[in-house]
Amino acid sequence: MDITAILGMSYDSLIEASVDKSPDEVVVTKDDETFYIVSEDNHNQTLASLGYKIVVNTGE
């Protein structure tokens, strides 16, 4: 499985990722240092089982 297609661009700053995301997306991380903007469905269906956690929810 190629998760880079799901993760897309990485951010080193949680603030930058939070600003760039749309209201229906979430920000996830695995190491608390690199952040990714993804759909909540992608997180729930794939990334959660790989250890990624949501740090900014939809609507935030």
C-alpha atoms as a PDB file:
ATOM      1  CA  MET A   1       0.000   0.000   0.000  1.00  0.00           C
ATOM      2  CA  ASP A   2       1.348   3.428  -0.980  1.00  0.00           C
ATOM      3  CA  ILE A   3       0.211   5.765   1.771  1.00  0.00           C
ATOM      4  CA  THR A   4       2.076   8.737   0.291  1.00  0.00           C
ATOM      5  CA  ALA A   5      -0.809   9.144  -2.153  1.00  0.00           C
ATOM      6  CA  ILE A   6      -3.194   9.399   0.804  1.00  0.00           C
ATOM      7  CA  LEU A   7      -0.976  11.629   2.942  1.00  0.00           C
ATOM      8  CA  GLY A   8       0.043  14.149   0.294  1.00  0.00           C
ATOM      9  CA  MET A   9       2.185  17.121   1.279  1.00  0.00           C
ATOM     10  CA  SER A  10       3.781  17.104   4.715  1.00  0.00           C
ATOM     11  CA  TYR A  11       3.947  20.039   7.101  1.00  0.00           C
ATOM     12  CA  ASP A  12       6.550  20.633   9.797  1.00  0.00           C
ATOM     13  CA  SER A  13       4.213  23.017  11.599  1.00  0.00           C
ATOM     14  CA  LEU A  14       0.844  22.113  13.065  1.00  0.00           C
ATOM     15  CA  ILE A  15      -0.222  25.743  12.743  1.00  0.00           C
ATOM     16  CA  GLU A  16       0.504  25.813   9.000  1.00  0.00           C
ATOM     17  CA  ALA A  17      -1.357  22.558   8.436  1.00  0.00           C
ATOM     18  CA  SER A  18      -4.312  23.838  10.469  1.00  0.00           C
ATOM     19  CA  VAL A  19      -4.490  27.028   8.407  1.00  0.00           C
ATOM     20  CA  ASP A  20      -4.245  25.199   5.055  1.00  0.00           C
ATOM     21  CA  LYS A  21      -6.880  22.539   5.728  1.00  0.00           C
ATOM     22  CA  SER A  22     -10.474  22.953   4.635  1.00  0.00           C
ATOM     23  CA  PRO A  23     -13.296  22.604   7.206  1.00  0.00           C
ATOM     24  CA  ASP A  24     -14.119  19.052   6.087  1.00  0.00           C
ATOM     25  CA  GLU A  25     -10.530  17.761   6.451  1.00  0.00           C
ATOM     26  CA  VAL A  26      -8.471  16.687   9.462  1.00  0.00           C
ATOM     27  CA  VAL A  27      -4.804  17.052  10.362  1.00  0.00           C
ATOM     28  CA  VAL A  28      -3.047  13.828  11.343  1.00  0.00           C
ATOM     29  CA  THR A  29       0.379  12.894  12.659  1.00  0.00           C
ATOM     30  CA  LYS A  30       2.229   9.762  13.632  1.00  0.00           C
ATOM     31  CA  ASP A  31       5.262  11.301  15.332  1.00  0.00           C
ATOM     32  CA  ASP A  32       4.008  14.713  16.563  1.00  0.00           C
ATOM     33  CA  GLU A  33       6.605  16.351  14.282  1.00  0.00           C
ATOM     34  CA  THR A  34       5.209  15.910  10.773  1.00  0.00           C
ATOM     35  CA  PHE A  35       1.598  16.699   9.943  1.00  0.00           C
ATOM     36  CA  TYR A  36      -0.678  15.825   7.022  1.00  0.00           C
ATOM     37  CA  ILE A  37      -4.056  17.085   5.833  1.00  0.00           C
ATOM     38  CA  VAL A  38      -6.373  14.223   4.882  1.00  0.00           C
ATOM     39  CA  SER A  39     -10.059  13.434   4.667  1.00  0.00           C
ATOM     40  CA  GLU A  40     -11.619  11.963   7.776  1.00  0.00           C
ATOM     41  CA  ASP A  41     -12.619   8.898   5.723  1.00  0.00           C
ATOM     42  CA  ASN A  42      -8.995   8.243   4.714  1.00  0.00           C
ATOM     43  CA  HIS A  43      -7.957   8.485   8.346  1.00  0.00           C
ATOM     44  CA  ASN A  44     -10.695   6.150   9.551  1.00  0.00           C
ATOM     45  CA  GLN A  45     -10.327   3.598   6.740  1.00  0.00           C
ATOM     46  CA  THR A  46      -6.529   3.435   6.433  1.00  0.00           C
ATOM     47  CA  LEU A  47      -4.367   5.723   8.510  1.00  0.00           C
ATOM     48  CA  ALA A  48      -5.780   5.014  11.981  1.00  0.00           C
ATOM     49  CA  SER A  49      -4.734   1.377  11.714  1.00  0.00           C
ATOM     50  CA  LEU A  50      -1.210   2.539  10.806  1.00  0.00           C
ATOM     51  CA  GLY A  51      -0.860   4.631  13.965  1.00  0.00           C
ATOM     52  CA  TYR A  52      -1.835   8.062  12.665  1.00  0.00           C
ATOM     53  CA  LYS A  53      -3.874  10.172  15.082  1.00  0.00           C
ATOM     54  CA  ILE A  54      -6.072  13.188  14.456  1.00  0.00           C
ATOM     55  CA  VAL A  55      -4.676  16.370  16.015  1.00  0.00           C
ATOM     56  CA  VAL A  56      -7.103  18.843  14.377  1.00  0.00           C
ATOM     57  CA  ASN A  57     -10.685  17.704  13.730  1.00  0.00           C
ATOM     58  CA  THR A  58     -13.100  18.751  11.009  1.00  0.00           C
ATOM     59  CA  GLY A  59     -14.566  22.173  11.566  1.00  0.00           C
ATOM     60  CA  GLU A  60     -11.625  23.400  13.653  1.00  0.00           C
END
